[in-house]
Amino acid sequence: MGDIHQNDALLEDVGNLAAYLYLLRERHPGHYQTIVETIRLAAPFFGDFVLRPHPLNPEKIRLEWRVRGSDLIFGPDALSDGTLRFICLVMLLLQPAERLPSLIILDEPELGLHPYAIRLLASMTHTAAAEGVQVILATQQSPWSTNTRCWWWSAPRASRPSASWTKQRWPAGWRTR
C-alpha cells in the first residue's frame, strides 16, 4: 500500500503505480483508458483497475484489479510476473506526453512477456521515441530492430563510454543501422 499523493512522477521501481494510475484516471481519463485497453490486448482477462483510497486510511492506496466480467477484486499478487511487468511498461510508455521522461533506459524489457506483448511493447517504444523521448534498450529480441534507426555497441564491455556521452557525439564503436 502506498501514499495516494506520491504521484508527481512514476517512480523507477513503480512503487507508486496505484497512486499514479489514480492520478491518470482522475486527471487524464483518455490516457488512462488507453492504458487499460492496451493491457487488455496482452491480457484479455483483465477488466480494470480498482483505484480507491483505503477505507481505513484515505491517504493510502493499493493496486487492485478486476477480471473482465467479474466483481471479484484481486491484488497484484494474482498477476503473473510477465503481466505485472507489461502493466508497468505500458504505464511508463503511454502516460501523457507532458509527463514522459526525456530518457528511458530499459534492460531486456521482453523478459517474461508473451510474443504478442513484446510486439506491443516494441510499438510503444517507437511511439515514445516519436514523441521525443530518447529510448535506450538492451534486448535480445528483433521487434525493436525492424523499421527503425538502431544504435548498438560493438566494442568490448570494459571500453563502453561513461555516462557523459551524448547523442550528438557518438563514441567510436557505435554503429547505426
C-alpha atoms as a PDB file:
ATOM      1  CA  MET A   1       0.000   0.000   0.000  1.00  0.00           C
ATOM      2  CA  GLY A   2       1.369   3.383  -0.994  1.00  0.00           C
ATOM      3  CA  ASP A   3       0.827   7.051  -0.334  1.00  0.00           C
ATOM      4  CA  ILE A   4      -2.002   8.317  -2.550  1.00  0.00           C
ATOM      5  CA  HIS A   5      -0.257  11.675  -3.022  1.00  0.00           C
ATOM      6  CA  GLN A   6       3.053  10.203  -4.227  1.00  0.00           C
ATOM      7  CA  ASN A   7       2.153  10.751  -7.877  1.00  0.00           C
ATOM      8  CA  ASP A   8       4.327  13.576  -9.223  1.00  0.00           C
ATOM      9  CA  ALA A   9       6.126  11.072 -11.458  1.00  0.00           C
ATOM     10  CA  LEU A  10       6.187   7.318 -11.891  1.00  0.00           C
ATOM     11  CA  LEU A  11       8.992   6.046  -9.632  1.00  0.00           C
ATOM     12  CA  GLU A  12      11.733   3.957 -11.227  1.00  0.00           C
ATOM     13  CA  ASP A  13      10.691   0.945  -9.105  1.00  0.00           C
ATOM     14  CA  VAL A  14       6.992   1.715  -9.875  1.00  0.00           C
ATOM     15  CA  GLY A  15       6.282   1.551  -6.151  1.00  0.00           C
ATOM     16  CA  ASN A  16       3.704   4.286  -6.650  1.00  0.00           C
ATOM     17  CA  LEU A  17       1.892   2.542  -9.524  1.00  0.00           C
ATOM     18  CA  ALA A  18      -1.529   2.654  -7.825  1.00  0.00           C
ATOM     19  CA  ALA A  19      -1.207   6.343  -6.899  1.00  0.00           C
ATOM     20  CA  TYR A  20      -0.013   7.232 -10.392  1.00  0.00           C
ATOM     21  CA  LEU A  21      -2.823   5.272 -12.059  1.00  0.00           C
ATOM     22  CA  TYR A  22      -5.298   7.003  -9.744  1.00  0.00           C
ATOM     23  CA  LEU A  23      -3.943  10.398 -10.821  1.00  0.00           C
ATOM     24  CA  LEU A  24      -4.200   9.474 -14.510  1.00  0.00           C
ATOM     25  CA  ARG A  25      -7.746   8.171 -14.117  1.00  0.00           C
ATOM     26  CA  GLU A  26      -8.827  11.398 -12.403  1.00  0.00           C
ATOM     27  CA  ARG A  27      -6.895  13.970 -14.480  1.00  0.00           C
ATOM     28  CA  HIS A  28      -6.115  12.230 -17.783  1.00  0.00           C
ATOM     29  CA  PRO A  29      -9.033   9.816 -18.375  1.00  0.00           C
ATOM     30  CA  GLY A  30      -8.245   9.367 -22.079  1.00  0.00           C
ATOM     31  CA  HIS A  31      -4.699   8.210 -21.362  1.00  0.00           C
ATOM     32  CA  TYR A  32      -5.931   6.030 -18.513  1.00  0.00           C
ATOM     33  CA  GLN A  33      -8.428   4.318 -20.837  1.00  0.00           C
ATOM     34  CA  THR A  34      -5.725   3.786 -23.474  1.00  0.00           C
ATOM     35  CA  ILE A  35      -3.520   2.151 -20.827  1.00  0.00           C
ATOM     36  CA  VAL A  36      -6.339  -0.193 -19.728  1.00  0.00           C
ATOM     37  CA  GLU A  37      -7.215  -1.108 -23.327  1.00  0.00           C
ATOM     38  CA  THR A  38      -3.557  -1.778 -24.161  1.00  0.00           C
ATOM     39  CA  ILE A  39      -3.209  -4.057 -21.143  1.00  0.00           C
ATOM     40  CA  ARG A  40      -6.300  -5.960 -22.347  1.00  0.00           C
ATOM     41  CA  LEU A  41      -4.627  -6.577 -25.715  1.00  0.00           C
ATOM     42  CA  ALA A  42      -1.949  -8.650 -23.982  1.00  0.00           C
ATOM     43  CA  ALA A  43      -4.078  -9.874 -21.043  1.00  0.00           C
ATOM     44  CA  PRO A  44      -7.671 -10.287 -22.296  1.00  0.00           C
ATOM     45  CA  PHE A  45      -8.860 -11.433 -18.839  1.00  0.00           C
ATOM     46  CA  PHE A  46      -8.024  -8.015 -17.362  1.00  0.00           C
ATOM     47  CA  GLY A  47     -11.073  -5.851 -16.648  1.00  0.00           C
ATOM     48  CA  ASP A  48      -9.912  -2.644 -14.988  1.00  0.00           C
ATOM     49  CA  PHE A  49      -8.016  -1.328 -12.006  1.00  0.00           C
ATOM     50  CA  VAL A  50      -9.872  -0.755  -8.751  1.00  0.00           C
ATOM     51  CA  LEU A  51      -8.380   2.521  -7.587  1.00  0.00           C
ATOM     52  CA  ARG A  52      -9.748   3.970  -4.377  1.00  0.00           C
ATOM     53  CA  PRO A  53      -8.353   5.394  -1.168  1.00  0.00           C
ATOM     54  CA  HIS A  54      -8.050   2.762   1.556  1.00  0.00           C
ATOM     55  CA  PRO A  55     -11.251   2.796   3.684  1.00  0.00           C
ATOM     56  CA  LEU A  56      -9.326   2.919   6.993  1.00  0.00           C
ATOM     57  CA  ASN A  57      -6.648   5.352   5.841  1.00  0.00           C
ATOM     58  CA  PRO A  58      -7.678   7.654   2.955  1.00  0.00           C
ATOM     59  CA  GLU A  59      -4.041   8.760   2.494  1.00  0.00           C
ATOM     60  CA  LYS A  60      -3.115   5.258   1.255  1.00  0.00           C
ATOM     61  CA  ILE A  61      -3.953   3.368  -1.927  1.00  0.00           C
ATOM     62  CA  ARG A  62      -3.376  -0.248  -3.003  1.00  0.00           C
ATOM     63  CA  LEU A  63      -3.083  -1.651  -6.508  1.00  0.00           C
ATOM     64  CA  GLU A  64      -6.177  -3.783  -7.108  1.00  0.00           C
ATOM     65  CA  TRP A  65      -7.889  -5.021 -10.248  1.00  0.00           C
ATOM     66  CA  ARG A  66     -10.896  -6.935 -11.557  1.00  0.00           C
ATOM     67  CA  VAL A  67     -11.186  -9.776 -14.005  1.00  0.00           C
ATOM     68  CA  ARG A  68     -13.273  -8.873 -17.030  1.00  0.00           C
ATOM     69  CA  GLY A  69     -16.919  -9.732 -16.395  1.00  0.00           C
ATOM     70  CA  SER A  70     -16.470 -10.305 -12.652  1.00  0.00           C
ATOM     71  CA  ASP A  71     -16.947  -8.300  -9.472  1.00  0.00           C
ATOM     72  CA  LEU A  72     -14.133 -10.105  -7.661  1.00  0.00           C
ATOM     73  CA  ILE A  73     -11.231  -7.851  -6.694  1.00  0.00           C
ATOM     74  CA  PHE A  74      -7.651  -9.108  -6.792  1.00  0.00           C
ATOM     75  CA  GLY A  75      -4.316  -7.746  -5.650  1.00  0.00           C
ATOM     76  CA  PRO A  76      -1.134  -7.582  -7.743  1.00  0.00           C
ATOM     77  CA  ASP A  77      -0.020 -10.961  -6.366  1.00  0.00           C
ATOM     78  CA  ALA A  78      -2.730 -12.609  -8.514  1.00  0.00           C
ATOM     79  CA  LEU A  79      -0.965 -11.478 -11.715  1.00  0.00           C
ATOM     80  CA  SER A  80       1.971 -13.250 -13.325  1.00  0.00           C
ATOM     81  CA  ASP A  81       5.386 -11.584 -13.248  1.00  0.00           C
ATOM     82  CA  GLY A  82       5.168 -11.026 -17.010  1.00  0.00           C
ATOM     83  CA  THR A  83       1.737  -9.388 -16.768  1.00  0.00           C
ATOM     84  CA  LEU A  84       2.912  -7.105 -13.954  1.00  0.00           C
ATOM     85  CA  ARG A  85       5.992  -6.182 -15.953  1.00  0.00           C
ATOM     86  CA  PHE A  86       3.845  -5.430 -19.003  1.00  0.00           C
ATOM     87  CA  ILE A  87       1.478  -3.241 -16.933  1.00  0.00           C
ATOM     88  CA  CYS A  88       4.416  -1.228 -15.588  1.00  0.00           C
ATOM     89  CA  LEU A  89       5.932  -0.769 -19.046  1.00  0.00           C
ATOM     90  CA  VAL A  90       2.574   0.258 -20.528  1.00  0.00           C
ATOM     91  CA  MET A  91       2.208   2.838 -17.744  1.00  0.00           C
ATOM     92  CA  LEU A  92       5.695   4.180 -18.399  1.00  0.00           C
ATOM     93  CA  LEU A  93       5.324   4.444 -22.168  1.00  0.00           C
ATOM     94  CA  LEU A  94       1.679   5.543 -22.531  1.00  0.00           C
ATOM     95  CA  GLN A  95       1.486   8.278 -19.920  1.00  0.00           C
ATOM     96  CA  PRO A  96       0.648  11.777 -21.197  1.00  0.00           C
ATOM     97  CA  ALA A  97       3.420  13.335 -23.295  1.00  0.00           C
ATOM     98  CA  GLU A  98       3.995  16.144 -20.786  1.00  0.00           C
ATOM     99  CA  ARG A  99       4.663  13.551 -18.072  1.00  0.00           C
ATOM    100  CA  LEU A 100       7.034  11.373 -20.113  1.00  0.00           C
ATOM    101  CA  PRO A 101      10.682  11.425 -19.021  1.00  0.00           C
ATOM    102  CA  SER A 102      13.212  12.704 -21.559  1.00  0.00           C
ATOM    103  CA  LEU A 103      15.223   9.464 -21.309  1.00  0.00           C
ATOM    104  CA  ILE A 104      14.056   5.875 -20.781  1.00  0.00           C
ATOM    105  CA  ILE A 105      16.576   3.065 -20.347  1.00  0.00           C
ATOM    106  CA  LEU A 106      15.178  -0.477 -20.410  1.00  0.00           C
ATOM    107  CA  ASP A 107      17.222  -3.613 -19.781  1.00  0.00           C
ATOM    108  CA  GLU A 108      15.677  -6.629 -21.502  1.00  0.00           C
ATOM    109  CA  PRO A 109      12.079  -5.415 -21.204  1.00  0.00           C
ATOM    110  CA  GLU A 110      10.869  -8.503 -23.081  1.00  0.00           C
ATOM    111  CA  LEU A 111      11.665 -10.909 -20.225  1.00  0.00           C
ATOM    112  CA  GLY A 112       8.586 -12.869 -19.158  1.00  0.00           C
ATOM    113  CA  LEU A 113       6.376 -11.405 -21.876  1.00  0.00           C
ATOM    114  CA  HIS A 114       4.246 -13.236 -24.432  1.00  0.00           C
ATOM    115  CA  PRO A 115       5.484 -12.705 -28.022  1.00  0.00           C
ATOM    116  CA  TYR A 116       2.413 -10.579 -28.805  1.00  0.00           C
ATOM    117  CA  ALA A 117       3.071  -8.406 -25.752  1.00  0.00           C
ATOM    118  CA  ILE A 118       6.659  -7.966 -26.974  1.00  0.00           C
ATOM    119  CA  ARG A 119       5.366  -6.645 -30.315  1.00  0.00           C
ATOM    120  CA  LEU A 120       3.015  -4.256 -28.487  1.00  0.00           C
ATOM    121  CA  LEU A 121       5.898  -3.093 -26.314  1.00  0.00           C
ATOM    122  CA  ALA A 122       8.114  -2.506 -29.368  1.00  0.00           C
ATOM    123  CA  SER A 123       5.376  -0.389 -30.905  1.00  0.00           C
ATOM    124  CA  MET A 124       5.017   1.637 -27.697  1.00  0.00           C
ATOM    125  CA  THR A 125       8.771   2.297 -27.510  1.00  0.00           C
ATOM    126  CA  HIS A 126       8.718   3.531 -31.108  1.00  0.00           C
ATOM    127  CA  THR A 127       5.795   5.826 -30.259  1.00  0.00           C
ATOM    128  CA  ALA A 128       7.588   7.210 -27.198  1.00  0.00           C
ATOM    129  CA  ALA A 129      10.667   7.856 -29.338  1.00  0.00           C
ATOM    130  CA  ALA A 130       8.477   9.652 -31.895  1.00  0.00           C
ATOM    131  CA  GLU A 131       7.236  11.863 -29.009  1.00  0.00           C
ATOM    132  CA  GLY A 132      10.845  12.965 -28.472  1.00  0.00           C
ATOM    133  CA  VAL A 133      11.816  10.554 -25.696  1.00  0.00           C
ATOM    134  CA  GLN A 134      15.274   9.052 -26.015  1.00  0.00           C
ATOM    135  CA  VAL A 135      14.769   5.297 -25.541  1.00  0.00           C
ATOM    136  CA  ILE A 136      17.784   3.070 -24.905  1.00  0.00           C
ATOM    137  CA  LEU A 137      17.188  -0.693 -24.909  1.00  0.00           C
ATOM    138  CA  ALA A 138      19.331  -3.685 -24.102  1.00  0.00           C
ATOM    139  CA  THR A 139      17.473  -6.554 -25.743  1.00  0.00           C
ATOM    140  CA  GLN A 140      17.832  -9.919 -27.457  1.00  0.00           C
ATOM    141  CA  GLN A 141      14.599  -9.502 -29.429  1.00  0.00           C
ATOM    142  CA  SER A 142      14.206  -8.384 -33.032  1.00  0.00           C
ATOM    143  CA  PRO A 143      10.936  -6.328 -32.960  1.00  0.00           C
ATOM    144  CA  TRP A 144      12.966  -3.258 -31.995  1.00  0.00           C
ATOM    145  CA  SER A 145      15.412  -3.556 -34.878  1.00  0.00           C
ATOM    146  CA  THR A 146      12.933  -3.563 -37.758  1.00  0.00           C
ATOM    147  CA  ASN A 147      11.863  -0.346 -39.478  1.00  0.00           C
ATOM    148  CA  THR A 148      13.730   1.883 -37.057  1.00  0.00           C
ATOM    149  CA  ARG A 149      17.087   3.514 -36.624  1.00  0.00           C
ATOM    150  CA  CYS A 150      19.011   1.408 -34.146  1.00  0.00           C
ATOM    151  CA  TRP A 151      22.279   2.090 -32.387  1.00  0.00           C
ATOM    152  CA  TRP A 152      24.354  -0.627 -30.865  1.00  0.00           C
ATOM    153  CA  TRP A 153      27.705  -1.010 -29.196  1.00  0.00           C
ATOM    154  CA  SER A 154      30.288  -3.255 -30.787  1.00  0.00           C
ATOM    155  CA  ALA A 155      33.295  -2.691 -28.522  1.00  0.00           C
ATOM    156  CA  PRO A 156      34.209  -4.892 -25.536  1.00  0.00           C
ATOM    157  CA  ARG A 157      32.228  -4.295 -22.342  1.00  0.00           C
ATOM    158  CA  ALA A 158      35.195  -2.749 -20.490  1.00  0.00           C
ATOM    159  CA  SER A 159      35.582   0.030 -23.044  1.00  0.00           C
ATOM    160  CA  ARG A 160      31.973   1.248 -23.096  1.00  0.00           C
ATOM    161  CA  PRO A 161      31.535   5.008 -22.748  1.00  0.00           C
ATOM    162  CA  SER A 162      30.828   6.741 -19.480  1.00  0.00           C
ATOM    163  CA  ALA A 163      27.516   8.385 -18.654  1.00  0.00           C
ATOM    164  CA  SER A 164      28.804  11.664 -20.086  1.00  0.00           C
ATOM    165  CA  TRP A 165      28.359  10.757 -23.788  1.00  0.00           C
ATOM    166  CA  THR A 166      25.571  12.396 -25.771  1.00  0.00           C
ATOM    167  CA  LYS A 167      23.591  11.591 -28.894  1.00  0.00           C
ATOM    168  CA  GLN A 168      25.350  14.359 -30.801  1.00  0.00           C
ATOM    169  CA  ARG A 169      28.776  12.800 -30.256  1.00  0.00           C
ATOM    170  CA  TRP A 170      28.642   9.034 -30.542  1.00  0.00           C
ATOM    171  CA  PRO A 171      31.810   7.294 -29.385  1.00  0.00           C
ATOM    172  CA  ALA A 172      33.901   5.207 -31.764  1.00  0.00           C
ATOM    173  CA  GLY A 173      32.399   1.742 -31.979  1.00  0.00           C
ATOM    174  CA  TRP A 174      28.748   2.865 -32.168  1.00  0.00           C
ATOM    175  CA  ARG A 175      27.111   1.983 -35.436  1.00  0.00           C
ATOM    176  CA  THR A 176      23.815   2.937 -36.994  1.00  0.00           C
ATOM    177  CA  ARG A 177      21.569   0.684 -38.986  1.00  0.00           C
END
